[in-house]
Amino acid sequence: MSYVKIKIQHVASHDDLKKWEDRMLEKVKCWNKFCLGVYDEQVLRAVHVTKEGDEENTYLTTLCEDCIKETADYGILVNEKHLMLDSHKR
């Protein structure tokens, strides 16, 4: 799978963070391709996002607070395999 540009819709709950980790079978981290990776686990958040070109579906992924704040308006590149199709409706 390749990198896709995502747009943040809103920050999700702590339960969504756990749901992502349980379903994806990976440890939560910031999946922004350009993240510097200088963060503690306490600043990781689940976020509801849409993929560029696929605004109909909402996905769940995890990012750090800095990436959420710094890049929300510009889009973020995330490996598509780290996006979980979410049943949450916008």
N, C-alpha and C. Protein backbone atom coordinates (compact mmCIF):
# COMPACT_ATOMS: atom_id res chain seq x y z
N MET A 1 0.84 -1.18 0.00
CA MET A 1 0.00 0.00 0.00
C MET A 1 0.89 1.24 0.00
N SER A 2 0.31 2.32 -0.42
CA SER A 2 1.08 3.55 -0.56
C SER A 2 0.60 4.62 0.41
N TYR A 3 1.30 5.73 0.38
CA TYR A 3 0.91 6.86 1.20
C TYR A 3 -0.25 7.61 0.56
N VAL A 4 -1.17 8.06 1.39
CA VAL A 4 -2.32 8.83 0.92
C VAL A 4 -2.40 10.11 1.75
N LYS A 5 -2.94 11.13 1.14
CA LYS A 5 -3.15 12.40 1.84
C LYS A 5 -4.47 12.32 2.58
N ILE A 6 -4.45 12.67 3.85
CA ILE A 6 -5.67 12.64 4.66
C ILE A 6 -5.99 14.03 5.17
N LYS A 7 -7.24 14.23 5.49
CA LYS A 7 -7.69 15.48 6.10
C LYS A 7 -8.39 15.12 7.40
N ILE A 8 -7.97 15.76 8.48
CA ILE A 8 -8.55 15.50 9.79
C ILE A 8 -9.95 16.08 9.87
N GLN A 9 -10.89 15.25 10.32
CA GLN A 9 -12.25 15.71 10.56
C GLN A 9 -12.41 16.15 12.02
N HIS A 10 -11.97 15.31 12.94
CA HIS A 10 -11.95 15.67 14.36
C HIS A 10 -11.22 14.61 15.16
N VAL A 11 -10.82 15.00 16.35
CA VAL A 11 -10.13 14.08 17.27
C VAL A 11 -11.16 13.13 17.85
N ALA A 12 -10.80 11.88 17.94
CA ALA A 12 -11.71 10.84 18.44
C ALA A 12 -11.49 10.62 19.94
N SER A 13 -12.23 9.71 20.49
CA SER A 13 -12.17 9.42 21.93
C SER A 13 -11.01 8.46 22.25
N HIS A 14 -10.74 8.35 23.56
CA HIS A 14 -9.72 7.40 24.02
C HIS A 14 -10.14 5.97 23.68
N ASP A 15 -11.44 5.69 23.73
CA ASP A 15 -11.94 4.36 23.36
C ASP A 15 -11.63 4.05 21.90
N ASP A 16 -11.71 5.06 21.04
CA ASP A 16 -11.37 4.86 19.63
C ASP A 16 -9.89 4.55 19.45
N LEU A 17 -9.05 5.15 20.28
CA LEU A 17 -7.62 4.87 20.24
C LEU A 17 -7.37 3.40 20.56
N LYS A 18 -8.03 2.92 21.59
CA LYS A 18 -7.91 1.51 21.99
C LYS A 18 -8.49 0.59 20.91
N LYS A 19 -9.62 1.01 20.32
CA LYS A 19 -10.25 0.22 19.26
C LYS A 19 -9.30 0.08 18.06
N TRP A 20 -8.64 1.19 17.70
CA TRP A 20 -7.69 1.15 16.58
C TRP A 20 -6.57 0.17 16.89
N GLU A 21 -5.99 0.26 18.08
CA GLU A 21 -4.87 -0.59 18.46
C GLU A 21 -5.28 -2.07 18.47
N ASP A 22 -6.46 -2.37 19.02
CA ASP A 22 -6.93 -3.75 19.09
C ASP A 22 -7.20 -4.33 17.71
N ARG A 23 -7.79 -3.53 16.85
CA ARG A 23 -8.16 -4.03 15.52
C ARG A 23 -6.97 -4.12 14.56
N MET A 24 -6.07 -3.15 14.65
CA MET A 24 -4.93 -3.11 13.73
C MET A 24 -3.77 -3.99 14.20
N LEU A 25 -3.82 -4.41 15.46
CA LEU A 25 -2.78 -5.26 16.04
C LEU A 25 -1.40 -4.62 15.95
N GLU A 26 -1.37 -3.30 16.14
CA GLU A 26 -0.12 -2.55 16.15
C GLU A 26 -0.14 -1.60 17.33
N LYS A 27 1.05 -1.26 17.79
CA LYS A 27 1.15 -0.27 18.85
C LYS A 27 0.83 1.10 18.27
N VAL A 28 0.11 1.89 19.02
CA VAL A 28 -0.27 3.23 18.59
C VAL A 28 0.97 4.11 18.48
N LYS A 29 1.05 4.88 17.40
CA LYS A 29 2.10 5.88 17.22
C LYS A 29 1.58 6.93 16.25
N CYS A 30 2.36 7.94 16.00
CA CYS A 30 1.98 8.95 15.02
C CYS A 30 2.36 8.43 13.64
N TRP A 31 1.38 8.31 12.77
CA TRP A 31 1.61 7.73 11.44
C TRP A 31 1.87 8.78 10.36
N ASN A 32 1.96 10.05 10.73
CA ASN A 32 2.31 11.08 9.76
C ASN A 32 3.71 10.79 9.21
N LYS A 33 3.83 10.69 7.91
CA LYS A 33 5.12 10.37 7.28
C LYS A 33 6.22 11.33 7.69
N PHE A 34 5.87 12.58 7.94
CA PHE A 34 6.87 13.60 8.24
C PHE A 34 6.98 13.95 9.72
N CYS A 35 6.38 13.15 10.58
CA CYS A 35 6.48 13.38 12.02
C CYS A 35 7.91 13.16 12.48
N LEU A 36 8.37 14.02 13.37
CA LEU A 36 9.72 13.88 13.91
C LEU A 36 9.81 12.77 14.95
N GLY A 37 8.67 12.32 15.46
CA GLY A 37 8.65 11.21 16.40
C GLY A 37 9.10 11.57 17.80
N VAL A 38 9.11 12.85 18.13
CA VAL A 38 9.53 13.29 19.46
C VAL A 38 8.28 13.57 20.29
N TYR A 39 7.69 12.51 20.83
CA TYR A 39 6.46 12.66 21.61
C TYR A 39 6.36 11.54 22.63
N ASP A 40 5.56 11.77 23.66
CA ASP A 40 5.27 10.75 24.65
C ASP A 40 3.97 10.06 24.26
N GLU A 41 3.73 8.90 24.81
CA GLU A 41 2.49 8.18 24.53
C GLU A 41 1.26 8.97 24.95
N GLN A 42 1.41 9.87 25.93
CA GLN A 42 0.27 10.64 26.44
C GLN A 42 -0.27 11.63 25.41
N VAL A 43 0.49 11.95 24.38
CA VAL A 43 0.04 12.94 23.39
C VAL A 43 -0.43 12.29 22.09
N LEU A 44 -0.57 10.98 22.09
CA LEU A 44 -1.10 10.29 20.91
C LEU A 44 -2.62 10.30 20.95
N ARG A 45 -3.23 10.57 19.81
CA ARG A 45 -4.69 10.66 19.73
C ARG A 45 -5.19 9.88 18.52
N ALA A 46 -6.37 9.32 18.66
CA ALA A 46 -7.07 8.76 17.50
C ALA A 46 -7.78 9.92 16.82
N VAL A 47 -7.82 9.90 15.50
CA VAL A 47 -8.49 10.96 14.75
C VAL A 47 -9.34 10.36 13.65
N HIS A 48 -10.50 10.98 13.44
CA HIS A 48 -11.35 10.64 12.31
C HIS A 48 -10.86 11.46 11.13
N VAL A 49 -10.62 10.80 10.01
CA VAL A 49 -10.05 11.46 8.83
C VAL A 49 -10.78 11.00 7.57
N THR A 50 -10.59 11.76 6.50
CA THR A 50 -11.01 11.33 5.17
C THR A 50 -9.77 11.29 4.29
N LYS A 51 -9.81 10.43 3.30
CA LYS A 51 -8.73 10.35 2.32
C LYS A 51 -9.03 11.31 1.18
N GLU A 52 -7.99 11.93 0.65
CA GLU A 52 -8.16 12.78 -0.52
C GLU A 52 -8.70 11.92 -1.65
N GLY A 53 -9.78 12.36 -2.25
CA GLY A 53 -10.41 11.61 -3.32
C GLY A 53 -11.45 10.61 -2.83
N ASP A 54 -11.60 10.47 -1.52
CA ASP A 54 -12.58 9.56 -0.93
C ASP A 54 -13.20 10.24 0.28
N GLU A 55 -13.92 11.31 0.04
CA GLU A 55 -14.53 12.07 1.13
C GLU A 55 -15.80 11.42 1.67
N GLU A 56 -16.27 10.36 1.01
CA GLU A 56 -17.49 9.67 1.45
C GLU A 56 -17.25 8.81 2.69
N ASN A 57 -16.07 8.24 2.81
CA ASN A 57 -15.77 7.34 3.92
C ASN A 57 -14.95 8.04 4.98
N THR A 58 -15.18 7.65 6.22
CA THR A 58 -14.40 8.15 7.34
C THR A 58 -13.51 7.03 7.84
N TYR A 59 -12.28 7.37 8.13
CA TYR A 59 -11.29 6.42 8.61
C TYR A 59 -10.79 6.86 9.98
N LEU A 60 -10.21 5.92 10.69
CA LEU A 60 -9.62 6.19 11.98
C LEU A 60 -8.13 5.88 11.87
N THR A 61 -7.30 6.79 12.37
CA THR A 61 -5.87 6.55 12.45
C THR A 61 -5.37 7.23 13.71
N THR A 62 -4.07 7.16 13.96
CA THR A 62 -3.52 7.78 15.16
C THR A 62 -2.41 8.75 14.78
N LEU A 63 -2.39 9.88 15.46
CA LEU A 63 -1.41 10.93 15.25
C LEU A 63 -1.04 11.54 16.58
N CYS A 64 0.08 12.26 16.63
CA CYS A 64 0.45 12.98 17.84
C CYS A 64 -0.21 14.36 17.82
N GLU A 65 -0.33 14.97 18.98
CA GLU A 65 -0.98 16.27 19.09
C GLU A 65 -0.30 17.33 18.23
N ASP A 66 1.04 17.31 18.16
CA ASP A 66 1.76 18.30 17.36
C ASP A 66 1.39 18.20 15.89
N CYS A 67 1.33 17.00 15.36
CA CYS A 67 0.96 16.83 13.95
C CYS A 67 -0.49 17.24 13.71
N ILE A 68 -1.35 16.96 14.66
CA ILE A 68 -2.75 17.36 14.53
C ILE A 68 -2.84 18.88 14.44
N LYS A 69 -2.12 19.58 15.30
CA LYS A 69 -2.17 21.05 15.32
C LYS A 69 -1.45 21.67 14.13
N GLU A 70 -0.27 21.15 13.82
CA GLU A 70 0.59 21.78 12.81
C GLU A 70 0.14 21.53 11.38
N THR A 71 -0.44 20.38 11.11
CA THR A 71 -0.67 20.01 9.72
C THR A 71 -2.13 19.79 9.36
N ALA A 72 -3.02 20.04 10.28
CA ALA A 72 -4.45 19.77 10.02
C ALA A 72 -4.97 20.51 8.80
N ASP A 73 -4.52 21.72 8.57
CA ASP A 73 -5.02 22.52 7.45
C ASP A 73 -4.36 22.16 6.11
N TYR A 74 -3.22 21.49 6.15
CA TYR A 74 -2.47 21.22 4.93
C TYR A 74 -2.59 19.79 4.43
N GLY A 75 -3.13 18.93 5.23
CA GLY A 75 -3.19 17.52 4.88
C GLY A 75 -1.97 16.80 5.41
N ILE A 76 -2.11 15.54 5.60
CA ILE A 76 -1.06 14.71 6.19
C ILE A 76 -0.90 13.48 5.32
N LEU A 77 0.34 13.02 5.14
CA LEU A 77 0.57 11.77 4.42
C LEU A 77 0.69 10.62 5.41
N VAL A 78 -0.13 9.60 5.19
CA VAL A 78 -0.15 8.42 6.05
C VAL A 78 -0.17 7.19 5.15
N ASN A 79 0.55 6.15 5.55
CA ASN A 79 0.49 4.91 4.81
C ASN A 79 -0.93 4.37 4.91
N GLU A 80 -1.49 4.02 3.79
CA GLU A 80 -2.90 3.59 3.74
C GLU A 80 -3.18 2.41 4.66
N LYS A 81 -2.19 1.58 4.92
CA LYS A 81 -2.43 0.41 5.78
C LYS A 81 -2.69 0.80 7.23
N HIS A 82 -2.43 2.06 7.60
CA HIS A 82 -2.69 2.52 8.96
C HIS A 82 -4.03 3.23 9.10
N LEU A 83 -4.85 3.17 8.06
CA LEU A 83 -6.20 3.73 8.11
C LEU A 83 -7.20 2.60 8.33
N MET A 84 -8.05 2.76 9.32
CA MET A 84 -9.08 1.79 9.61
C MET A 84 -10.42 2.40 9.23
N LEU A 85 -11.14 1.74 8.33
CA LEU A 85 -12.47 2.22 7.96
C LEU A 85 -13.32 2.26 9.21
N ASP A 86 -13.96 3.39 9.43
CA ASP A 86 -14.69 3.59 10.66
C ASP A 86 -16.19 3.69 10.40
N SER A 87 -16.96 3.21 11.32
CA SER A 87 -18.41 3.27 11.19
C SER A 87 -18.95 4.62 11.64
N HIS A 88 -18.09 5.46 12.22
CA HIS A 88 -18.50 6.79 12.67
C HIS A 88 -18.96 7.63 11.48
N LYS A 89 -20.10 8.24 11.60
CA LYS A 89 -20.62 9.10 10.53
C LYS A 89 -20.39 10.54 10.88
N ARG A 90 -19.93 11.31 9.89
CA ARG A 90 -19.67 12.73 10.10
C ARG A 90 -20.96 13.48 10.19
